PDB file of N, CA and C in Angstrom:
ATOM      1  N   LEU A   1       0.825  -1.194   0.000  1.00  0.00           N
ATOM      2  CA  LEU A   1       0.000   0.000   0.000  1.00  0.00           C
ATOM      3  C   LEU A   1       0.869   1.257   0.000  1.00  0.00           C
ATOM      4  N   LEU A   2       1.930   1.248   0.823  1.00  0.00           N
ATOM      5  CA  LEU A   2       2.815   2.412   0.872  1.00  0.00           C
ATOM      6  C   LEU A   2       3.489   2.667  -0.467  1.00  0.00           C
ATOM      7  N   ASN A   3       3.862   1.600  -1.165  1.00  0.00           N
ATOM      8  CA  ASN A   3       4.496   1.772  -2.477  1.00  0.00           C
ATOM      9  C   ASN A   3       3.533   2.368  -3.496  1.00  0.00           C
ATOM     10  N   THR A   4       2.270   1.980  -3.441  1.00  0.00           N
ATOM     11  CA  THR A   4       1.266   2.528  -4.352  1.00  0.00           C
ATOM     12  C   THR A   4       1.053   4.007  -4.079  1.00  0.00           C
ATOM     13  N   ILE A   5       0.965   4.361  -2.820  1.00  0.00           N
ATOM     14  CA  ILE A   5       0.814   5.775  -2.446  1.00  0.00           C
ATOM     15  C   ILE A   5       2.045   6.555  -2.881  1.00  0.00           C
ATOM     16  N   GLN A   6       3.206   5.966  -2.687  1.00  0.00           N
ATOM     17  CA  GLN A   6       4.455   6.619  -3.090  1.00  0.00           C
ATOM     18  C   GLN A   6       4.440   6.914  -4.588  1.00  0.00           C
ATOM     19  N   GLN A   7       4.047   5.972  -5.395  1.00  0.00           N
ATOM     20  CA  GLN A   7       4.004   6.167  -6.841  1.00  0.00           C
ATOM     21  C   GLN A   7       3.033   7.276  -7.219  1.00  0.00           C
ATOM     22  N   ALA A   8       1.895   7.329  -6.551  1.00  0.00           N
ATOM     23  CA  ALA A   8       0.912   8.378  -6.838  1.00  0.00           C
ATOM     24  C   ALA A   8       1.473   9.754  -6.486  1.00  0.00           C
ATOM     25  N   LEU A   9       2.141   9.857  -5.357  1.00  0.00           N
ATOM     26  CA  LEU A   9       2.712  11.139  -4.946  1.00  0.00           C
ATOM     27  C   LEU A   9       3.842  11.575  -5.862  1.00  0.00           C
ATOM     28  N   VAL A  10       4.651  10.640  -6.321  1.00  0.00           N
ATOM     29  CA  VAL A  10       5.719  10.969  -7.265  1.00  0.00           C
ATOM     30  C   VAL A  10       5.109  11.479  -8.565  1.00  0.00           C
ATOM     31  N   THR A  11       4.003  10.888  -8.986  1.00  0.00           N
ATOM     32  CA  THR A  11       3.316  11.349 -10.191  1.00  0.00           C
ATOM     33  C   THR A  11       2.781  12.766 -10.004  1.00  0.00           C
ATOM     34  N   ILE A  12       2.248  13.067  -8.836  1.00  0.00           N
ATOM     35  CA  ILE A  12       1.772  14.423  -8.538  1.00  0.00           C
ATOM     36  C   ILE A  12       2.938  15.401  -8.594  1.00  0.00           C
ATOM     37  N   GLY A  13       4.077  14.983  -8.066  1.00  0.00           N
ATOM     38  CA  GLY A  13       5.287  15.790  -8.154  1.00  0.00           C
ATOM     39  C   GLY A  13       5.376  16.902  -7.125  1.00  0.00           C
ATOM     40  N   PRO A  14       5.949  18.050  -7.509  1.00  0.00           N
ATOM     41  CA  PRO A  14       6.216  19.142  -6.571  1.00  0.00           C
ATOM     42  C   PRO A  14       5.038  19.613  -5.718  1.00  0.00           C
ATOM     43  N   PRO A  15       3.786  19.601  -6.195  1.00  0.00           N
ATOM     44  CA  PRO A  15       2.699  20.015  -5.305  1.00  0.00           C
ATOM     45  C   PRO A  15       2.561  19.140  -4.052  1.00  0.00           C
ATOM     46  N   ALA A  16       3.079  17.923  -4.086  1.00  0.00           N
ATOM     47  CA  ALA A  16       2.999  17.030  -2.926  1.00  0.00           C
ATOM     48  C   ALA A  16       4.081  17.325  -1.887  1.00  0.00           C
ATOM     49  N   ILE A  17       5.108  18.083  -2.267  1.00  0.00           N
ATOM     50  CA  ILE A  17       6.258  18.287  -1.388  1.00  0.00           C
ATOM     51  C   ILE A  17       5.895  18.922  -0.049  1.00  0.00           C
ATOM     52  N   PRO A  18       5.102  20.004   0.025  1.00  0.00           N
ATOM     53  CA  PRO A  18       4.804  20.577   1.350  1.00  0.00           C
ATOM     54  C   PRO A  18       4.148  19.588   2.306  1.00  0.00           C
ATOM     55  N   HIS A  19       3.273  18.752   1.781  1.00  0.00           N
ATOM     56  CA  HIS A  19       2.608  17.758   2.630  1.00  0.00           C
ATOM     57  C   HIS A  19       3.590  16.682   3.091  1.00  0.00           C
ATOM     58  N   LEU A  20       4.468  16.281   2.195  1.00  0.00           N
ATOM     59  CA  LEU A  20       5.486  15.293   2.551  1.00  0.00           C
ATOM     60  C   LEU A  20       6.479  15.872   3.545  1.00  0.00           C
ATOM     61  N   GLN A  21       6.788  17.162   3.430  1.00  0.00           N
ATOM     62  CA  GLN A  21       7.686  17.813   4.393  1.00  0.00           C
ATOM     63  C   GLN A  21       7.101  17.734   5.797  1.00  0.00           C
ATOM     64  N   LYS A  22       5.828  18.071   5.928  1.00  0.00           N
ATOM     65  CA  LYS A  22       5.178  18.027   7.246  1.00  0.00           C
ATOM     66  C   LYS A  22       5.169  16.612   7.796  1.00  0.00           C
ATOM     67  N   LEU A  23       4.862  15.652   6.941  1.00  0.00           N
ATOM     68  CA  LEU A  23       4.847  14.257   7.366  1.00  0.00           C
ATOM     69  C   LEU A  23       6.245  13.795   7.761  1.00  0.00           C
ATOM     70  N   ASN A  24       7.259  14.222   7.009  1.00  0.00           N
ATOM     71  CA  ASN A  24       8.654  13.889   7.311  1.00  0.00           C
ATOM     72  C   ASN A  24       9.024  14.368   8.710  1.00  0.00           C
ATOM     73  N   LEU A  25       8.705  15.603   9.009  1.00  0.00           N
ATOM     74  CA  LEU A  25       9.060  16.172  10.318  1.00  0.00           C
ATOM     75  C   LEU A  25       8.285  15.494  11.443  1.00  0.00           C
ATOM     76  N   THR A  26       7.013  15.228  11.216  1.00  0.00           N
ATOM     77  CA  THR A  26       6.195  14.572  12.237  1.00  0.00           C
ATOM     78  C   THR A  26       6.701  13.165  12.533  1.00  0.00           C
ATOM     79  N   LEU A  27       6.979  12.411  11.499  1.00  0.00           N
ATOM     80  CA  LEU A  27       7.471  11.042  11.698  1.00  0.00           C
ATOM     81  C   LEU A  27       8.855  11.029  12.331  1.00  0.00           C
ATOM     82  N   ALA A  28       9.725  11.957  11.939  1.00  0.00           N
ATOM     83  CA  ALA A  28      11.059  12.037  12.547  1.00  0.00           C
ATOM     84  C   ALA A  28      10.933  12.318  14.044  1.00  0.00           C
ATOM     85  N   ASN A  29      10.016  13.190  14.419  1.00  0.00           N
ATOM     86  CA  ASN A  29       9.794  13.467  15.843  1.00  0.00           C
ATOM     87  C   ASN A  29       9.234  12.249  16.561  1.00  0.00           C
ATOM     88  N   ASP A  30       8.339  11.527  15.917  1.00  0.00           N
ATOM     89  CA  ASP A  30       7.786  10.312  16.519  1.00  0.00           C
ATOM     90  C   ASP A  30       8.880   9.280  16.783  1.00  0.00           C
ATOM     91  N   VAL A  31       9.766   9.104  15.826  1.00  0.00           N
ATOM     92  CA  VAL A  31      10.849   8.122  15.976  1.00  0.00           C
ATOM     93  C   VAL A  31      11.718   8.476  17.176  1.00  0.00           C
ATOM     94  N   ILE A  32      11.953   9.757  17.376  1.00  0.00           N
ATOM     95  CA  ILE A  32      12.781  10.203  18.500  1.00  0.00           C
ATOM     96  C   ILE A  32      12.029  10.055  19.819  1.00  0.00           C
ATOM     97  N   ALA A  33      10.743  10.391  19.827  1.00  0.00           N
ATOM     98  CA  ALA A  33       9.982  10.460  21.068  1.00  0.00           C
ATOM     99  C   ALA A  33       9.468   9.113  21.567  1.00  0.00           C
ATOM    100  N   LEU A  34       9.242   8.191  20.660  1.00  0.00           N
ATOM    101  CA  LEU A  34       8.659   6.912  21.065  1.00  0.00           C
ATOM    102  C   LEU A  34       9.698   5.991  21.693  1.00  0.00           C
ATOM    103  N   PRO A  35       9.251   5.098  22.564  1.00  0.00           N
ATOM    104  CA  PRO A  35      10.159   4.091  23.098  1.00  0.00           C
ATOM    105  C   PRO A  35      10.640   3.184  21.962  1.00  0.00           C
ATOM    106  N   PRO A  36      11.833   2.611  22.098  1.00  0.00           N
ATOM    107  CA  PRO A  36      12.408   1.791  21.022  1.00  0.00           C
ATOM    108  C   PRO A  36      11.486   0.700  20.488  1.00  0.00           C
ATOM    109  N   ASP A  37      10.697   0.086  21.340  1.00  0.00           N
ATOM    110  CA  ASP A  37       9.839  -1.009  20.885  1.00  0.00           C
ATOM    111  C   ASP A  37       8.618  -0.532  20.088  1.00  0.00           C
ATOM    112  N   GLN A  38       8.414   0.784  19.988  1.00  0.00           N
ATOM    113  CA  GLN A  38       7.269   1.332  19.251  1.00  0.00           C
ATOM    114  C   GLN A  38       7.707   2.137  18.019  1.00  0.00           C
ATOM    115  N   ARG A  39       8.970   2.062  17.647  1.00  0.00           N
ATOM    116  CA  ARG A  39       9.503   2.890  16.567  1.00  0.00           C
ATOM    117  C   ARG A  39       9.433   2.272  15.175  1.00  0.00           C
ATOM    118  N   LEU A  40       9.198   1.005  15.064  1.00  0.00           N
ATOM    119  CA  LEU A  40       9.308   0.342  13.761  1.00  0.00           C
ATOM    120  C   LEU A  40       8.351   0.925  12.718  1.00  0.00           C
ATOM    121  N   ILE A  41       7.082   1.056  13.050  1.00  0.00           N
ATOM    122  CA  ILE A  41       6.099   1.560  12.080  1.00  0.00           C
ATOM    123  C   ILE A  41       6.433   2.991  11.660  1.00  0.00           C
ATOM    124  N   PRO A  42       6.694   3.908  12.595  1.00  0.00           N
ATOM    125  CA  PRO A  42       7.079   5.252  12.155  1.00  0.00           C
ATOM    126  C   PRO A  42       8.370   5.262  11.335  1.00  0.00           C
ATOM    127  N   GLN A  43       9.314   4.381  11.646  1.00  0.00           N
ATOM    128  CA  GLN A  43      10.557   4.304  10.873  1.00  0.00           C
ATOM    129  C   GLN A  43      10.278   3.858   9.442  1.00  0.00           C
ATOM    130  N   LEU A  44       9.411   2.873   9.278  1.00  0.00           N
ATOM    131  CA  LEU A  44       9.069   2.397   7.940  1.00  0.00           C
ATOM    132  C   LEU A  44       8.343   3.480   7.146  1.00  0.00           C
ATOM    133  N   ARG A  45       7.449   4.174   7.812  1.00  0.00           N
ATOM    134  CA  ARG A  45       6.728   5.264   7.145  1.00  0.00           C
ATOM    135  C   ARG A  45       7.684   6.401   6.777  1.00  0.00           C
ATOM    136  N   LEU A  46       8.594   6.718   7.679  1.00  0.00           N
ATOM    137  CA  LEU A  46       9.570   7.776   7.419  1.00  0.00           C
ATOM    138  C   LEU A  46      10.460   7.398   6.242  1.00  0.00           C
ATOM    139  N   ARG A  47      10.858   6.154   6.175  1.00  0.00           N
ATOM    140  CA  ARG A  47      11.671   5.693   5.048  1.00  0.00           C
ATOM    141  C   ARG A  47      10.923   5.887   3.733  1.00  0.00           C
ATOM    142  N   THR A  48       9.638   5.558   3.727  1.00  0.00           N
ATOM    143  CA  THR A  48       8.836   5.715   2.520  1.00  0.00           C
ATOM    144  C   THR A  48       8.693   7.186   2.136  1.00  0.00           C
ATOM    145  N   VAL A  49       8.488   8.045   3.113  1.00  0.00           N
ATOM    146  CA  VAL A  49       8.374   9.482   2.837  1.00  0.00           C
ATOM    147  C   VAL A  49       9.685  10.016   2.269  1.00  0.00           C
ATOM    148  N   LYS A  50      10.811   9.603   2.847  1.00  0.00           N
ATOM    149  CA  LYS A  50      12.120  10.051   2.354  1.00  0.00           C
ATOM    150  C   LYS A  50      12.354   9.584   0.921  1.00  0.00           C
ATOM    151  N   ARG A  51      12.012   8.342   0.647  1.00  0.00           N
ATOM    152  CA  ARG A  51      12.181   7.815  -0.714  1.00  0.00           C
ATOM    153  C   ARG A  51      11.281   8.558  -1.697  1.00  0.00           C
ATOM    154  N   THR A  52      10.079   8.864  -1.260  1.00  0.00           N
ATOM    155  CA  THR A  52       9.149   9.595  -2.120  1.00  0.00           C
ATOM    156  C   THR A  52       9.682  10.984  -2.434  1.00  0.00           C
ATOM    157  N   LEU A  53      10.152  11.692  -1.407  1.00  0.00           N
ATOM    158  CA  LEU A  53      10.736  13.020  -1.624  1.00  0.00           C
ATOM    159  C   LEU A  53      11.934  12.944  -2.555  1.00  0.00           C
ATOM    160  N   ALA A  54      12.785  11.964  -2.344  1.00  0.00           N
ATOM    161  CA  ALA A  54      13.977  11.821  -3.181  1.00  0.00           C
ATOM    162  C   ALA A  54      13.594  11.561  -4.636  1.00  0.00           C
ATOM    163  N   LYS A  55      12.606  10.719  -4.860  1.00  0.00           N
ATOM    164  CA  LYS A  55      12.171  10.432  -6.226  1.00  0.00           C
ATOM    165  C   LYS A  55      11.578  11.668  -6.892  1.00  0.00           C
ATOM    166  N   ILE A  56      10.801  12.432  -6.146  1.00  0.00           N
ATOM    167  CA  ILE A  56      10.245  13.666  -6.705  1.00  0.00           C
ATOM    168  C   ILE A  56      11.371  14.627  -7.069  1.00  0.00           C
ATOM    169  N   LEU A  57      12.365  14.741  -6.201  1.00  0.00           N
ATOM    170  CA  LEU A  57      13.485  15.645  -6.475  1.00  0.00           C
ATOM    171  C   LEU A  57      14.242  15.239  -7.732  1.00  0.00           C
ATOM    172  N   VAL A  58      14.400  13.948  -7.938  1.00  0.00           N
ATOM    173  CA  VAL A  58      15.133  13.469  -9.108  1.00  0.00           C
ATOM    174  C   VAL A  58      14.290  13.582 -10.381  1.00  0.00           C
ATOM    175  N   LEU A  59      13.060  13.108 -10.323  1.00  0.00           N
ATOM    176  CA  LEU A  59      12.232  13.038 -11.519  1.00  0.00           C
ATOM    177  C   LEU A  59      11.631  14.373 -11.947  1.00  0.00           C
ATOM    178  N   HIS A  60      11.536  15.303 -10.996  1.00  0.00           N
ATOM    179  CA  HIS A  60      10.929  16.605 -11.294  1.00  0.00           C
ATOM    180  C   HIS A  60      11.921  17.738 -11.038  1.00  0.00           C
ATOM    181  N   SER A  61      13.197  17.465 -11.229  1.00  0.00           N
ATOM    182  CA  SER A  61      14.230  18.445 -10.870  1.00  0.00           C
ATOM    183  C   SER A  61      14.075  19.778 -11.596  1.00  0.00           C
ATOM    184  N   GLY A  62      13.540  19.799 -12.788  1.00  0.00           N
ATOM    185  CA  GLY A  62      13.367  21.046 -13.521  1.00  0.00           C
ATOM    186  C   GLY A  62      12.164  21.853 -13.082  1.00  0.00           C
ATOM    187  N   GLU A  63      11.369  21.310 -12.170  1.00  0.00           N
ATOM    188  CA  GLU A  63      10.128  21.964 -11.737  1.00  0.00           C
ATOM    189  C   GLU A  63      10.175  22.407 -10.280  1.00  0.00           C
ATOM    190  N   LEU A  64      11.355  22.553  -9.720  1.00  0.00           N
ATOM    191  CA  LEU A  64      11.464  22.764  -8.279  1.00  0.00           C
ATOM    192  C   LEU A  64      11.816  24.194  -7.876  1.00  0.00           C
ATOM    193  N   ASN A  65      11.607  25.146  -8.749  1.00  0.00           N
ATOM    194  CA  ASN A  65      11.906  26.534  -8.396  1.00  0.00           C
ATOM    195  C   ASN A  65      11.062  26.966  -7.203  1.00  0.00           C
ATOM    196  N   GLY A  66      11.715  27.508  -6.201  1.00  0.00           N
ATOM    197  CA  GLY A  66      11.014  27.999  -5.024  1.00  0.00           C
ATOM    198  C   GLY A  66      10.694  26.949  -3.981  1.00  0.00           C
ATOM    199  N   VAL A  67      11.082  25.712  -4.200  1.00  0.00           N
ATOM    200  CA  VAL A  67      10.827  24.666  -3.211  1.00  0.00           C
ATOM    201  C   VAL A  67      11.851  24.785  -2.096  1.00  0.00           C
ATOM    202  N   ASP A  68      11.368  24.874  -0.871  1.00  0.00           N
ATOM    203  CA  ASP A  68      12.229  25.033   0.297  1.00  0.00           C
ATOM    204  C   ASP A  68      12.257  23.710   1.067  1.00  0.00           C
ATOM    205  N   LEU A  69      13.434  23.112   1.147  1.00  0.00           N
ATOM    206  CA  LEU A  69      13.565  21.828   1.842  1.00  0.00           C
ATOM    207  C   LEU A  69      14.285  21.956   3.186  1.00  0.00           C
ATOM    208  N   ARG A  70      14.369  23.169   3.698  1.00  0.00           N
ATOM    209  CA  ARG A  70      15.004  23.332   5.014  1.00  0.00           C
ATOM    210  C   ARG A  70      14.236  22.538   6.061  1.00  0.00           C
ATOM    211  N   GLY A  71      14.965  21.875   6.898  1.00  0.00           N
ATOM    212  CA  GLY A  71      14.366  21.104   7.978  1.00  0.00           C
ATOM    213  C   GLY A  71      13.942  19.703   7.592  1.00  0.00           C
ATOM    214  N   VAL A  72      14.011  19.366   6.311  1.00  0.00           N
ATOM    215  CA  VAL A  72      13.620  18.026   5.876  1.00  0.00           C
ATOM    216  C   VAL A  72      14.810  17.093   6.032  1.00  0.00           C
ATOM    217  N   ASP A  73      14.568  15.976   6.685  1.00  0.00           N
ATOM    218  CA  ASP A  73      15.615  14.974   6.886  1.00  0.00           C
ATOM    219  C   ASP A  73      15.499  13.932   5.796  1.00  0.00           C
ATOM    220  N   LEU A  74      16.505  13.880   4.905  1.00  0.00           N
ATOM    221  CA  LEU A  74      16.520  12.869   3.858  1.00  0.00           C
ATOM    222  C   LEU A  74      17.588  11.816   4.119  1.00  0.00           C
ATOM    223  N   GLY A  75      18.126  11.806   5.336  1.00  0.00           N
ATOM    224  CA  GLY A  75      19.178  10.873   5.691  1.00  0.00           C
ATOM    225  C   GLY A  75      18.671   9.456   5.870  1.00  0.00           C
ATOM    226  N   HIS A  76      19.591   8.562   6.168  1.00  0.00           N
ATOM    227  CA  HIS A  76      19.322   7.137   6.333  1.00  0.00           C
ATOM    228  C   HIS A  76      18.391   6.883   7.523  1.00  0.00           C
ATOM    229  N   VAL A  77      17.502   5.949   7.351  1.00  0.00           N
ATOM    230  CA  VAL A  77      16.591   5.530   8.424  1.00  0.00           C
ATOM    231  C   VAL A  77      17.034   4.181   8.911  1.00  0.00           C
ATOM    232  N   ILE A  78      17.208   4.044  10.212  1.00  0.00           N
ATOM    233  CA  ILE A  78      17.534   2.755  10.811  1.00  0.00           C
ATOM    234  C   ILE A  78      16.286   1.889  10.734  1.00  0.00           C
ATOM    235  N   GLU A  79      16.416   0.696  10.160  1.00  0.00           N
ATOM    236  CA  GLU A  79      15.225  -0.089   9.869  1.00  0.00           C
ATOM    237  C   GLU A  79      14.958  -1.212  10.843  1.00  0.00           C
ATOM    238  N   SER A  80      15.891  -1.545  11.687  1.00  0.00           N
ATOM    239  CA  SER A  80      15.609  -2.627  12.627  1.00  0.00           C
ATOM    240  C   SER A  80      15.175  -2.050  13.969  1.00  0.00           C
ATOM    241  N   PRO A  81      14.213  -2.660  14.631  1.00  0.00           N
ATOM    242  CA  PRO A  81      13.698  -2.099  15.873  1.00  0.00           C
ATOM    243  C   PRO A  81      14.721  -2.053  16.999  1.00  0.00           C
ATOM    244  N   GLY A  82      15.713  -2.908  16.976  1.00  0.00           N
ATOM    245  CA  GLY A  82      16.704  -2.919  18.049  1.00  0.00           C
ATOM    246  C   GLY A  82      17.916  -2.053  17.789  1.00  0.00           C
ATOM    247  N   ALA A  83      17.988  -1.444  16.604  1.00  0.00           N
ATOM    248  CA  ALA A  83      19.170  -0.655  16.255  1.00  0.00           C
ATOM    249  C   ALA A  83      19.183   0.687  16.964  1.00  0.00           C
TER     250      ALA A  83
END
């Protein structure tokens, strides 16, 4: 389901970026705030959001004038719950 949503958002392109930015920040905060045993789902969602943003940036690079990505974390997501 997440992959299907990701493909739809990549197709939408730059108009989806502000919403993905908010989701990125919210999920990053959840990963930090939650106890380790409750982080897996937010980590997986955050990984999907990061991949979606990255794909939009690559595929729509000529359409990104005025897009502000300050505060967006596109770094690596730890994927195992015990890491």
